[in-house]
């Protein structure tokens, strides 16, 4: 009887241990008074200034949220490389792609196989979408469109083209 009760208590404790959520790894740094945060299932330091985050990674800086299964991040330069599928949210901007190379400090970067919405809610789909400044994008092999999902009467197709947002068309 005591053995049965002991086994029952052990089983309950074991179930409790496996059912409680696991603590996620998190690292934070500062740049010009703003916090940069990297949260992931696993976080390791590859070198003195290079972090590797894996498993449901969420990187945040000011208004920018970067989500991906794997992110390499350099806190000295602010450069981040997201791999294996990526989502970037920044204000009205929502973009997804297969890979992204961005610089959080300069607010520039490249998204590969990009699809989503730019700052002024303009739909874009491109093999490479390069953000060269706060309001400027270069699309390679793709198009910009004024309606969600590319349903407007007018689409701008590019093998290479540039678009400025914020009323500077």
C-alpha atoms as a PDB file:
ATOM      1  CA  UNK A   1       0.000   0.000   0.000  1.00  0.00           C
ATOM      2  CA  UNK A   2       2.789   2.413   0.914  1.00  0.00           C
ATOM      3  CA  UNK A   3       4.548   1.547  -2.314  1.00  0.00           C
ATOM      4  CA  UNK A   4       1.391   2.314  -4.320  1.00  0.00           C
ATOM      5  CA  UNK A   5       0.949   5.689  -2.575  1.00  0.00           C
ATOM      6  CA  UNK A   6       4.650   6.475  -3.066  1.00  0.00           C
ATOM      7  CA  UNK A   7       4.393   5.629  -6.780  1.00  0.00           C
ATOM      8  CA  UNK A   8       1.289   7.789  -7.111  1.00  0.00           C
ATOM      9  CA  UNK A   9       2.982  10.779  -5.443  1.00  0.00           C
ATOM     10  CA  UNK A  10       6.102  10.306  -7.614  1.00  0.00           C
ATOM     11  CA  UNK A  11       3.965  10.121 -10.760  1.00  0.00           C
ATOM     12  CA  UNK A  12       2.082  13.305  -9.806  1.00  0.00           C
ATOM     13  CA  UNK A  13       5.356  15.152  -9.147  1.00  0.00           C
ATOM     14  CA  UNK A  14       6.769  13.925 -12.462  1.00  0.00           C
ATOM     15  CA  UNK A  15       3.676  15.066 -14.361  1.00  0.00           C
ATOM     16  CA  UNK A  16       3.862  18.473 -12.662  1.00  0.00           C
ATOM     17  CA  UNK A  17       7.505  18.873 -13.627  1.00  0.00           C
ATOM     18  CA  UNK A  18       6.858  18.064 -17.292  1.00  0.00           C
ATOM     19  CA  UNK A  19       3.670  20.105 -17.569  1.00  0.00           C
ATOM     20  CA  UNK A  20       5.126  23.392 -16.266  1.00  0.00           C
ATOM     21  CA  UNK A  21       6.429  25.714 -18.986  1.00  0.00           C
ATOM     22  CA  UNK A  22      10.169  25.724 -19.586  1.00  0.00           C
ATOM     23  CA  UNK A  23      12.117  28.904 -18.896  1.00  0.00           C
ATOM     24  CA  UNK A  24      13.242  30.559 -22.138  1.00  0.00           C
ATOM     25  CA  UNK A  25      16.732  31.972 -22.605  1.00  0.00           C
ATOM     26  CA  UNK A  26      16.977  35.756 -22.843  1.00  0.00           C
ATOM     27  CA  UNK A  27      19.786  38.262 -23.351  1.00  0.00           C
ATOM     28  CA  UNK A  28      19.511  42.056 -23.397  1.00  0.00           C
ATOM     29  CA  UNK A  29      21.848  44.851 -24.433  1.00  0.00           C
ATOM     30  CA  UNK A  30      21.506  48.608 -24.866  1.00  0.00           C
ATOM     31  CA  UNK A  31      22.130  50.872 -27.812  1.00  0.00           C
ATOM     32  CA  UNK A  32      21.671  54.639 -27.569  1.00  0.00           C
ATOM     33  CA  UNK A  33      19.332  54.275 -24.590  1.00  0.00           C
ATOM     34  CA  UNK A  34      17.112  51.624 -26.192  1.00  0.00           C
ATOM     35  CA  UNK A  35      16.993  47.984 -25.144  1.00  0.00           C
ATOM     36  CA  UNK A  36      17.707  45.169 -27.615  1.00  0.00           C
ATOM     37  CA  UNK A  37      16.260  41.865 -26.423  1.00  0.00           C
ATOM     38  CA  UNK A  38      16.770  38.347 -27.804  1.00  0.00           C
ATOM     39  CA  UNK A  39      14.556  35.567 -26.441  1.00  0.00           C
ATOM     40  CA  UNK A  40      14.715  31.933 -27.599  1.00  0.00           C
ATOM     41  CA  UNK A  41      14.468  28.307 -26.545  1.00  0.00           C
ATOM     42  CA  UNK A  42      18.277  28.064 -26.780  1.00  0.00           C
ATOM     43  CA  UNK A  43      20.824  30.872 -26.687  1.00  0.00           C
ATOM     44  CA  UNK A  44      24.583  30.484 -26.992  1.00  0.00           C
ATOM     45  CA  UNK A  45      27.553  32.728 -27.547  1.00  0.00           C
ATOM     46  CA  UNK A  46      29.497  31.778 -30.685  1.00  0.00           C
ATOM     47  CA  UNK A  47      32.210  34.393 -30.095  1.00  0.00           C
ATOM     48  CA  UNK A  48      32.765  37.530 -28.021  1.00  0.00           C
ATOM     49  CA  UNK A  49      30.314  39.509 -30.121  1.00  0.00           C
ATOM     50  CA  UNK A  50      28.087  36.905 -31.803  1.00  0.00           C
ATOM     51  CA  UNK A  51      25.022  35.239 -30.296  1.00  0.00           C
ATOM     52  CA  UNK A  52      23.188  32.256 -31.773  1.00  0.00           C
ATOM     53  CA  UNK A  53      19.499  32.037 -30.843  1.00  0.00           C
ATOM     54  CA  UNK A  54      17.491  28.953 -31.806  1.00  0.00           C
ATOM     55  CA  UNK A  55      13.905  27.861 -31.361  1.00  0.00           C
ATOM     56  CA  UNK A  56      11.034  30.340 -31.626  1.00  0.00           C
ATOM     57  CA  UNK A  57      13.362  33.369 -31.561  1.00  0.00           C
ATOM     58  CA  UNK A  58      11.941  36.827 -30.847  1.00  0.00           C
ATOM     59  CA  UNK A  59      14.317  39.759 -31.222  1.00  0.00           C
ATOM     60  CA  UNK A  60      12.993  43.228 -30.305  1.00  0.00           C
ATOM     61  CA  UNK A  61      14.488  46.700 -30.676  1.00  0.00           C
ATOM     62  CA  UNK A  62      12.392  49.864 -30.365  1.00  0.00           C
ATOM     63  CA  UNK A  63       9.398  49.223 -32.699  1.00  0.00           C
ATOM     64  CA  UNK A  64      11.037  46.323 -34.566  1.00  0.00           C
ATOM     65  CA  UNK A  65      10.102  42.709 -33.832  1.00  0.00           C
ATOM     66  CA  UNK A  66      11.970  39.956 -35.670  1.00  0.00           C
ATOM     67  CA  UNK A  67      10.683  36.372 -35.384  1.00  0.00           C
ATOM     68  CA  UNK A  68      12.443  33.309 -36.780  1.00  0.00           C
ATOM     69  CA  UNK A  69      13.445  29.752 -35.880  1.00  0.00           C
ATOM     70  CA  UNK A  70      17.150  30.781 -35.868  1.00  0.00           C
ATOM     71  CA  UNK A  71      18.893  34.165 -35.531  1.00  0.00           C
ATOM     72  CA  UNK A  72      22.573  35.108 -35.477  1.00  0.00           C
ATOM     73  CA  UNK A  73      23.040  38.452 -33.721  1.00  0.00           C
ATOM     74  CA  UNK A  74      26.018  40.778 -33.234  1.00  0.00           C
ATOM     75  CA  UNK A  75      25.330  43.259 -30.396  1.00  0.00           C
ATOM     76  CA  UNK A  76      28.351  45.414 -31.360  1.00  0.00           C
ATOM     77  CA  UNK A  77      27.211  46.153 -34.949  1.00  0.00           C
ATOM     78  CA  UNK A  78      23.466  45.557 -34.514  1.00  0.00           C
ATOM     79  CA  UNK A  79      23.475  43.093 -37.412  1.00  0.00           C
ATOM     80  CA  UNK A  80      21.114  40.123 -37.311  1.00  0.00           C
ATOM     81  CA  UNK A  81      20.700  37.242 -39.753  1.00  0.00           C
ATOM     82  CA  UNK A  82      17.437  35.324 -39.488  1.00  0.00           C
ATOM     83  CA  UNK A  83      17.229  31.918 -41.112  1.00  0.00           C
ATOM     84  CA  UNK A  84      14.668  29.202 -41.871  1.00  0.00           C
ATOM     85  CA  UNK A  85      11.701  31.566 -42.314  1.00  0.00           C
ATOM     86  CA  UNK A  86      11.369  35.047 -40.911  1.00  0.00           C
ATOM     87  CA  UNK A  87       8.733  37.597 -39.932  1.00  0.00           C
ATOM     88  CA  UNK A  88       9.452  41.299 -39.349  1.00  0.00           C
ATOM     89  CA  UNK A  89       6.970  43.691 -37.777  1.00  0.00           C
ATOM     90  CA  UNK A  90       7.720  47.404 -37.468  1.00  0.00           C
ATOM     91  CA  UNK A  91       4.856  49.854 -37.074  1.00  0.00           C
ATOM     92  CA  UNK A  92       2.583  49.260 -40.070  1.00  0.00           C
ATOM     93  CA  UNK A  93       5.241  47.158 -41.805  1.00  0.00           C
ATOM     94  CA  UNK A  94       4.689  43.402 -41.791  1.00  0.00           C
ATOM     95  CA  UNK A  95       6.987  41.288 -43.928  1.00  0.00           C
ATOM     96  CA  UNK A  96       7.829  37.612 -44.111  1.00  0.00           C
ATOM     97  CA  UNK A  97      10.485  35.764 -46.062  1.00  0.00           C
ATOM     98  CA  UNK A  98      12.817  32.793 -46.114  1.00  0.00           C
ATOM     99  CA  UNK A  99      15.853  34.708 -44.794  1.00  0.00           C
ATOM    100  CA  UNK A 100      16.681  38.213 -43.596  1.00  0.00           C
ATOM    101  CA  UNK A 101      19.881  40.171 -43.069  1.00  0.00           C
ATOM    102  CA  UNK A 102      19.124  43.356 -41.148  1.00  0.00           C
ATOM    103  CA  UNK A 103      20.886  46.048 -39.177  1.00  0.00           C
ATOM    104  CA  UNK A 104      18.739  47.152 -36.241  1.00  0.00           C
ATOM    105  CA  UNK A 105      20.769  50.313 -35.683  1.00  0.00           C
ATOM    106  CA  UNK A 106      20.568  51.656 -39.243  1.00  0.00           C
ATOM    107  CA  UNK A 107      17.060  50.251 -39.901  1.00  0.00           C
ATOM    108  CA  UNK A 108      18.242  48.718 -43.182  1.00  0.00           C
ATOM    109  CA  UNK A 109      18.495  45.205 -44.554  1.00  0.00           C
ATOM    110  CA  UNK A 110      17.444  42.566 -47.055  1.00  0.00           C
ATOM    111  CA  UNK A 111      14.622  40.022 -46.951  1.00  0.00           C
ATOM    112  CA  UNK A 112      14.700  37.109 -49.391  1.00  0.00           C
ATOM    113  CA  UNK A 113      11.492  35.748 -50.950  1.00  0.00           C
ATOM    114  CA  UNK A 114       9.717  38.666 -49.289  1.00  0.00           C
ATOM    115  CA  UNK A 115       5.966  39.150 -49.041  1.00  0.00           C
ATOM    116  CA  UNK A 116       3.913  41.547 -46.964  1.00  0.00           C
ATOM    117  CA  UNK A 117       3.220  45.226 -46.420  1.00  0.00           C
ATOM    118  CA  UNK A 118       5.532  48.240 -46.357  1.00  0.00           C
ATOM    119  CA  UNK A 119       5.283  51.285 -44.093  1.00  0.00           C
ATOM    120  CA  UNK A 120       2.359  52.802 -46.005  1.00  0.00           C
ATOM    121  CA  UNK A 121       0.509  49.467 -46.252  1.00  0.00           C
ATOM    122  CA  UNK A 122       1.615  48.848 -49.836  1.00  0.00           C
ATOM    123  CA  UNK A 123       1.610  45.118 -50.642  1.00  0.00           C
ATOM    124  CA  UNK A 124       4.953  43.833 -51.925  1.00  0.00           C
ATOM    125  CA  UNK A 125       6.211  40.496 -53.154  1.00  0.00           C
ATOM    126  CA  UNK A 126       9.803  40.148 -54.339  1.00  0.00           C
ATOM    127  CA  UNK A 127      12.695  37.699 -54.590  1.00  0.00           C
ATOM    128  CA  UNK A 128      14.790  40.280 -52.720  1.00  0.00           C
ATOM    129  CA  UNK A 129      13.428  43.288 -50.861  1.00  0.00           C
ATOM    130  CA  UNK A 130      16.131  45.695 -49.743  1.00  0.00           C
ATOM    131  CA  UNK A 131      15.367  48.448 -47.243  1.00  0.00           C
ATOM    132  CA  UNK A 132      17.969  51.164 -47.863  1.00  0.00           C
ATOM    133  CA  UNK A 133      16.588  53.773 -45.472  1.00  0.00           C
ATOM    134  CA  UNK A 134      13.621  54.629 -43.252  1.00  0.00           C
ATOM    135  CA  UNK A 135      11.251  55.148 -46.209  1.00  0.00           C
ATOM    136  CA  UNK A 136      12.969  53.495 -49.190  1.00  0.00           C
ATOM    137  CA  UNK A 137      12.757  49.939 -50.541  1.00  0.00           C
ATOM    138  CA  UNK A 138      14.351  48.297 -53.575  1.00  0.00           C
ATOM    139  CA  UNK A 139      12.465  45.279 -54.943  1.00  0.00           C
ATOM    140  CA  UNK A 140      14.181  42.777 -57.203  1.00  0.00           C
ATOM    141  CA  UNK A 141      12.088  40.362 -59.276  1.00  0.00           C
ATOM    142  CA  UNK A 142       8.742  41.293 -57.767  1.00  0.00           C
ATOM    143  CA  UNK A 143       5.961  43.842 -57.541  1.00  0.00           C
ATOM    144  CA  UNK A 144       4.287  46.481 -55.393  1.00  0.00           C
ATOM    145  CA  UNK A 145       0.492  46.704 -55.260  1.00  0.00           C
ATOM    146  CA  UNK A 146      -1.988  48.989 -53.527  1.00  0.00           C
ATOM    147  CA  UNK A 147      -4.447  46.315 -52.343  1.00  0.00           C
ATOM    148  CA  UNK A 148      -3.971  43.384 -49.969  1.00  0.00           C
ATOM    149  CA  UNK A 149      -2.824  40.204 -51.685  1.00  0.00           C
ATOM    150  CA  UNK A 150      -2.164  41.970 -55.008  1.00  0.00           C
ATOM    151  CA  UNK A 151      -5.755  42.517 -56.151  1.00  0.00           C
ATOM    152  CA  UNK A 152      -5.703  46.068 -57.525  1.00  0.00           C
ATOM    153  CA  UNK A 153      -6.090  47.070 -61.166  1.00  0.00           C
ATOM    154  CA  UNK A 154      -2.531  48.432 -61.253  1.00  0.00           C
ATOM    155  CA  UNK A 155       0.566  46.555 -60.196  1.00  0.00           C
ATOM    156  CA  UNK A 156       4.163  47.715 -60.510  1.00  0.00           C
ATOM    157  CA  UNK A 157       6.364  44.793 -61.585  1.00  0.00           C
ATOM    158  CA  UNK A 158      10.125  45.035 -61.267  1.00  0.00           C
ATOM    159  CA  UNK A 159      13.137  43.051 -62.229  1.00  0.00           C
ATOM    160  CA  UNK A 160      14.741  45.793 -60.129  1.00  0.00           C
ATOM    161  CA  UNK A 161      12.917  48.862 -58.880  1.00  0.00           C
ATOM    162  CA  UNK A 162      12.854  51.359 -56.048  1.00  0.00           C
ATOM    163  CA  UNK A 163       9.894  52.617 -54.018  1.00  0.00           C
ATOM    164  CA  UNK A 164       9.780  55.369 -51.427  1.00  0.00           C
ATOM    165  CA  UNK A 165       6.998  55.314 -48.842  1.00  0.00           C
ATOM    166  CA  UNK A 166       5.424  58.094 -46.808  1.00  0.00           C
ATOM    167  CA  UNK A 167       3.941  60.012 -49.751  1.00  0.00           C
ATOM    168  CA  UNK A 168       7.270  60.324 -51.591  1.00  0.00           C
ATOM    169  CA  UNK A 169       6.336  58.220 -54.613  1.00  0.00           C
END
